[in-house]
Amino acid sequence: MSGWASRRVRRPGSVGPVTWARALPPPLRRAAARAAQWGWRWAEDAGAIGPDDERGRRFGSFGRGSFLAFPQGAVYNERYIRIGAGTMVGPYACLTAGMAPGQQMATDPVVRIGDRCVIGRGSHIIGHWSIEIGDDIQTGPYVYVTDQNHTYTDPDEPVGRQWPVEAAVRIGSGSWLGANVVILPGTTIGEHVVVAAGAVVRGEIPDRCVVAGVPARIVRRWFPDRGWVDEHDVAPT
């Protein structure tokens, strides 16, 4: 950290050095704190991106009542991204289509987020081919969803230099993704699915179940006549 606030002084009776700002006389410090907090709240309000904002109009579509909270993470190639109505994308979240700004994509939309979704703080939705997120989906913070990954076919070539491959991702409506979930390319998640925090998901997940772990496995299922049943209590078919 740099700047005037990072200059450290030693105050008599303190355990260690404190920042210059914290060493201000209490009345002045409180006033400065109120001003800083007011300024940040103003920035959060003014810096949010909605459908009527200049930045919002770059999107392929941007539903009424939706917004990207301030501050945003990386957001580019918005024309390939479509957001439904009543959806909130939390601060520091990244929404991207392709490798870099200005890239022409082979599909449109690349990323589609449905109505009434909540995308948690710091999450990344990184599309290259097709990511479809249904309606009424909520995620915890720092969720990572991508439809592209590097290959490692050549054992002598650095993995990062090998050509990536894409596979479409679909997350069914009404699902919940806990904090730090990773959704890998080629994943299809059914409707009303719970993905436990920290799970790494790949493959097909049926409707109305709970998955957890690395790699994610089904731990509970819903049966109309039994309700939620732990997987180890499900009779083999």
Protein backbone atom coordinates (compact mmCIF):
# COMPACT_ATOMS: atom_id res chain seq x y z
CA MET A 1 0.00 0.00 0.00
CA SER A 2 1.24 3.49 -0.81
CA GLY A 3 0.13 7.06 -0.26
CA TRP A 4 -0.41 9.25 2.74
CA ALA A 5 -2.56 6.70 4.57
CA SER A 6 0.27 4.13 4.52
CA ARG A 7 2.83 6.28 6.33
CA ARG A 8 3.33 4.70 9.68
CA VAL A 9 4.03 6.47 12.96
CA ARG A 10 4.51 5.15 16.45
CA ARG A 11 1.99 6.50 18.94
CA PRO A 12 2.95 6.54 22.62
CA GLY A 13 1.49 3.54 24.42
CA SER A 14 0.67 1.66 21.20
CA VAL A 15 1.86 -1.90 20.62
CA GLY A 16 3.30 -1.06 17.21
CA PRO A 17 3.26 1.52 14.44
CA VAL A 18 -0.11 2.79 13.18
CA THR A 19 -1.02 4.43 9.91
CA TRP A 20 -0.85 8.18 9.63
CA ALA A 21 -4.62 8.36 9.26
CA ARG A 22 -5.22 6.33 12.41
CA ALA A 23 -2.90 8.66 14.29
CA LEU A 24 -5.11 11.69 13.61
CA PRO A 25 -6.87 13.30 16.57
CA PRO A 26 -10.09 11.31 17.21
CA PRO A 27 -12.55 14.04 16.11
CA LEU A 28 -10.68 14.57 12.84
CA ARG A 29 -10.27 10.84 12.25
CA ARG A 30 -13.99 10.23 12.80
CA ALA A 31 -14.86 13.00 10.37
CA ALA A 32 -12.46 11.58 7.79
CA ALA A 33 -13.92 8.10 8.30
CA ARG A 34 -17.46 9.38 7.77
CA ALA A 35 -16.39 11.16 4.60
CA ALA A 36 -14.62 8.07 3.27
CA GLN A 37 -17.58 5.81 4.04
CA TRP A 38 -20.01 8.26 2.47
CA GLY A 39 -17.80 8.48 -0.62
CA TRP A 40 -17.65 4.70 -0.92
CA ARG A 41 -21.43 4.36 -0.59
CA TRP A 42 -21.85 7.01 -3.28
CA ALA A 43 -19.40 5.17 -5.54
CA GLU A 44 -21.27 1.89 -4.99
CA ASP A 45 -24.50 3.55 -6.06
CA ALA A 46 -23.11 5.58 -8.94
CA GLY A 47 -20.75 2.85 -10.16
CA ALA A 48 -23.32 0.05 -10.46
CA ILE A 49 -24.14 -0.92 -14.05
CA GLY A 50 -27.79 -1.20 -15.03
CA PRO A 51 -29.71 -1.63 -18.28
CA ASP A 52 -30.05 2.13 -18.87
CA ASP A 53 -26.37 2.92 -18.32
CA GLU A 54 -24.00 3.40 -21.25
CA ARG A 55 -22.04 0.33 -20.22
CA GLY A 56 -25.23 -1.67 -19.74
CA ARG A 57 -26.34 -0.96 -23.29
CA ARG A 58 -23.29 -2.80 -24.59
CA PHE A 59 -24.75 -6.13 -23.45
CA GLY A 60 -26.60 -8.42 -25.82
CA SER A 61 -29.55 -7.90 -23.48
CA PHE A 62 -29.86 -6.54 -19.96
CA GLY A 63 -33.17 -7.08 -18.16
CA ARG A 64 -35.07 -4.53 -16.14
CA GLY A 65 -34.16 -4.42 -12.46
CA SER A 66 -30.79 -6.14 -12.99
CA PHE A 67 -27.43 -4.64 -12.11
CA LEU A 68 -23.72 -5.34 -11.75
CA ALA A 69 -22.62 -4.09 -8.34
CA PHE A 70 -19.62 -1.77 -7.97
CA PRO A 71 -16.74 -2.36 -8.18
CA GLN A 72 -16.92 -4.77 -11.08
CA GLY A 73 -14.22 -7.26 -11.99
CA ALA A 74 -13.22 -7.89 -15.60
CA VAL A 75 -16.22 -7.42 -17.91
CA TYR A 76 -15.72 -7.50 -21.67
CA ASN A 77 -17.28 -8.50 -24.98
CA GLU A 78 -20.61 -7.62 -23.43
CA ARG A 79 -22.46 -8.00 -26.75
CA TYR A 80 -22.16 -11.78 -26.30
CA ILE A 81 -23.53 -11.70 -22.74
CA ARG A 82 -27.25 -11.66 -21.93
CA ILE A 83 -28.67 -10.99 -18.48
CA GLY A 84 -32.32 -11.52 -17.56
CA ALA A 85 -34.57 -9.37 -15.40
CA GLY A 86 -34.17 -8.85 -11.67
CA THR A 87 -30.66 -10.33 -11.51
CA MET A 88 -27.90 -9.07 -9.23
CA VAL A 89 -24.21 -9.66 -9.96
CA GLY A 90 -22.13 -8.99 -6.86
CA PRO A 91 -19.05 -6.77 -6.55
CA TYR A 92 -15.71 -7.89 -7.98
CA ALA A 93 -17.45 -10.46 -10.19
CA CYS A 94 -16.04 -11.14 -13.66
CA LEU A 95 -18.25 -11.70 -16.72
CA THR A 96 -16.34 -12.35 -19.92
CA ALA A 97 -16.80 -13.81 -23.38
CA GLY A 98 -13.62 -14.92 -25.10
CA MET A 99 -9.94 -14.42 -24.41
CA ALA A 100 -9.71 -10.65 -24.77
CA PRO A 101 -11.79 -7.56 -25.48
CA GLY A 102 -12.84 -7.20 -29.11
CA GLN A 103 -12.66 -10.89 -29.94
CA GLN A 104 -15.21 -12.14 -32.46
CA MET A 105 -17.02 -15.14 -31.00
CA ALA A 106 -18.35 -18.15 -32.89
CA THR A 107 -21.55 -18.32 -30.83
CA ASP A 108 -24.03 -15.74 -29.59
CA PRO A 109 -24.83 -15.56 -26.78
CA VAL A 110 -21.74 -16.98 -25.15
CA VAL A 111 -23.04 -16.34 -21.62
CA ARG A 112 -26.70 -16.25 -20.70
CA ILE A 113 -27.88 -15.54 -17.13
CA GLY A 114 -31.59 -15.90 -16.43
CA ASP A 115 -34.10 -13.93 -14.40
CA ARG A 116 -33.93 -13.28 -10.64
CA CYS A 117 -30.43 -14.69 -10.19
CA VAL A 118 -27.85 -13.67 -7.59
CA ILE A 119 -24.20 -14.11 -8.55
CA GLY A 120 -21.98 -13.88 -5.47
CA ARG A 121 -19.15 -11.49 -4.76
CA GLY A 122 -15.90 -12.25 -6.58
CA SER A 123 -17.41 -14.94 -8.79
CA HIS A 124 -16.11 -15.60 -12.31
CA ILE A 125 -18.27 -16.60 -15.26
CA ILE A 126 -15.79 -17.12 -18.06
CA GLY A 127 -17.42 -18.07 -21.36
CA HIS A 128 -15.91 -19.07 -24.68
CA TRP A 129 -18.61 -21.22 -26.26
CA SER A 130 -21.82 -21.55 -24.23
CA ILE A 131 -22.67 -21.02 -20.57
CA GLU A 132 -26.37 -21.05 -19.76
CA ILE A 133 -27.47 -20.18 -16.23
CA GLY A 134 -31.20 -20.63 -15.65
CA ASP A 135 -33.68 -18.58 -13.63
CA ASP A 136 -33.74 -18.16 -9.84
CA ILE A 137 -30.18 -19.36 -9.33
CA GLN A 138 -28.10 -18.11 -6.43
CA THR A 139 -24.40 -18.57 -5.82
CA GLY A 140 -22.17 -17.93 -2.86
CA PRO A 141 -19.01 -15.86 -3.24
CA TYR A 142 -16.04 -16.81 -5.42
CA VAL A 143 -17.79 -19.33 -7.65
CA TYR A 144 -15.96 -20.15 -10.90
CA VAL A 145 -17.86 -21.27 -14.02
CA THR A 146 -16.09 -21.92 -17.32
CA ASP A 147 -16.72 -23.77 -20.56
CA GLN A 148 -13.06 -23.94 -21.62
CA ASN A 149 -9.99 -25.72 -20.32
CA HIS A 150 -6.45 -26.41 -21.49
CA THR A 151 -5.58 -29.84 -22.79
CA TYR A 152 -2.50 -31.79 -21.82
CA THR A 153 -2.32 -34.15 -24.81
CA ASP A 154 1.36 -33.45 -25.45
CA PRO A 155 3.36 -34.44 -22.35
CA ASP A 156 6.35 -32.39 -23.50
CA GLU A 157 4.57 -29.12 -24.26
CA PRO A 158 3.72 -26.76 -21.38
CA VAL A 159 0.04 -27.19 -20.58
CA GLY A 160 -0.59 -23.47 -20.80
CA ARG A 161 0.56 -23.44 -24.44
CA GLN A 162 -1.64 -26.30 -25.59
CA TRP A 163 -4.80 -25.46 -27.46
CA PRO A 164 -7.84 -25.29 -25.16
CA VAL A 165 -11.09 -27.11 -25.79
CA GLU A 166 -14.64 -25.95 -25.10
CA ALA A 167 -17.73 -27.80 -23.90
CA ALA A 168 -21.06 -26.17 -23.12
CA VAL A 169 -22.19 -25.65 -19.52
CA ARG A 170 -25.79 -25.53 -18.34
CA ILE A 171 -27.03 -24.85 -14.80
CA GLY A 172 -30.72 -25.59 -14.27
CA SER A 173 -33.19 -23.15 -12.75
CA GLY A 174 -33.72 -22.98 -9.01
CA SER A 175 -30.27 -24.28 -8.09
CA TRP A 176 -27.88 -23.07 -5.40
CA LEU A 177 -24.07 -23.06 -5.70
CA GLY A 178 -22.16 -22.64 -2.45
CA ALA A 179 -19.01 -20.60 -1.91
CA ASN A 180 -15.92 -21.50 -3.95
CA VAL A 181 -17.71 -23.98 -6.20
CA VAL A 182 -15.98 -24.73 -9.53
CA ILE A 183 -18.05 -25.74 -12.55
CA LEU A 184 -15.92 -27.32 -15.27
CA PRO A 185 -16.53 -27.49 -19.03
CA GLY A 186 -19.15 -29.96 -20.20
CA THR A 187 -21.17 -29.84 -16.99
CA THR A 188 -24.95 -30.05 -17.02
CA ILE A 189 -26.65 -29.41 -13.68
CA GLY A 190 -30.35 -30.14 -13.35
CA GLU A 191 -32.99 -28.00 -11.71
CA HIS A 192 -33.23 -27.38 -7.96
CA VAL A 193 -29.77 -28.78 -7.29
CA VAL A 194 -27.65 -27.87 -4.26
CA VAL A 195 -23.90 -27.78 -4.86
CA ALA A 196 -22.00 -27.78 -1.56
CA ALA A 197 -19.29 -25.21 -0.89
CA GLY A 198 -15.93 -26.05 -2.42
CA ALA A 199 -17.25 -28.73 -4.77
CA VAL A 200 -15.67 -29.25 -8.19
CA VAL A 201 -18.38 -30.34 -10.63
CA ARG A 202 -18.05 -32.06 -13.98
CA GLY A 203 -20.51 -34.19 -15.91
CA GLU A 204 -24.27 -34.54 -15.61
CA ILE A 205 -26.13 -33.89 -12.36
CA PRO A 206 -29.84 -34.83 -12.26
CA ASP A 207 -32.65 -32.66 -10.91
CA ARG A 208 -33.31 -32.26 -7.18
CA CYS A 209 -30.19 -33.62 -5.58
CA VAL A 210 -27.28 -32.46 -3.42
CA VAL A 211 -23.70 -32.85 -4.61
CA ALA A 212 -20.49 -32.33 -2.66
CA GLY A 213 -16.78 -33.02 -2.80
CA VAL A 214 -13.87 -33.08 -5.23
CA PRO A 215 -14.86 -34.44 -7.63
CA ALA A 216 -18.49 -33.70 -6.77
CA ARG A 217 -20.70 -36.71 -6.10
CA ILE A 218 -24.37 -37.03 -5.25
CA VAL A 219 -24.93 -37.23 -1.49
CA ARG A 220 -28.72 -36.75 -1.31
CA ARG A 221 -31.67 -37.15 -3.66
CA TRP A 222 -35.32 -36.14 -3.61
CA PHE A 223 -38.05 -38.74 -4.06
CA PRO A 224 -41.71 -37.69 -4.29
CA ASP A 225 -42.77 -40.49 -1.92
CA ARG A 226 -39.81 -40.28 0.50
CA GLY A 227 -38.51 -36.72 0.44
CA TRP A 228 -34.77 -36.15 0.76
CA VAL A 229 -32.84 -39.40 1.10
CA ASP A 230 -29.11 -39.82 1.74
CA GLU A 231 -27.37 -41.47 -1.18
CA HIS A 232 -26.19 -44.44 0.88
CA ASP A 233 -29.84 -45.19 1.70
CA VAL A 234 -30.91 -45.24 -1.94
CA ALA A 235 -31.52 -48.80 -3.13
CA PRO A 236 -29.41 -49.70 -6.17
CA THR A 237 -31.30 -49.96 -9.44
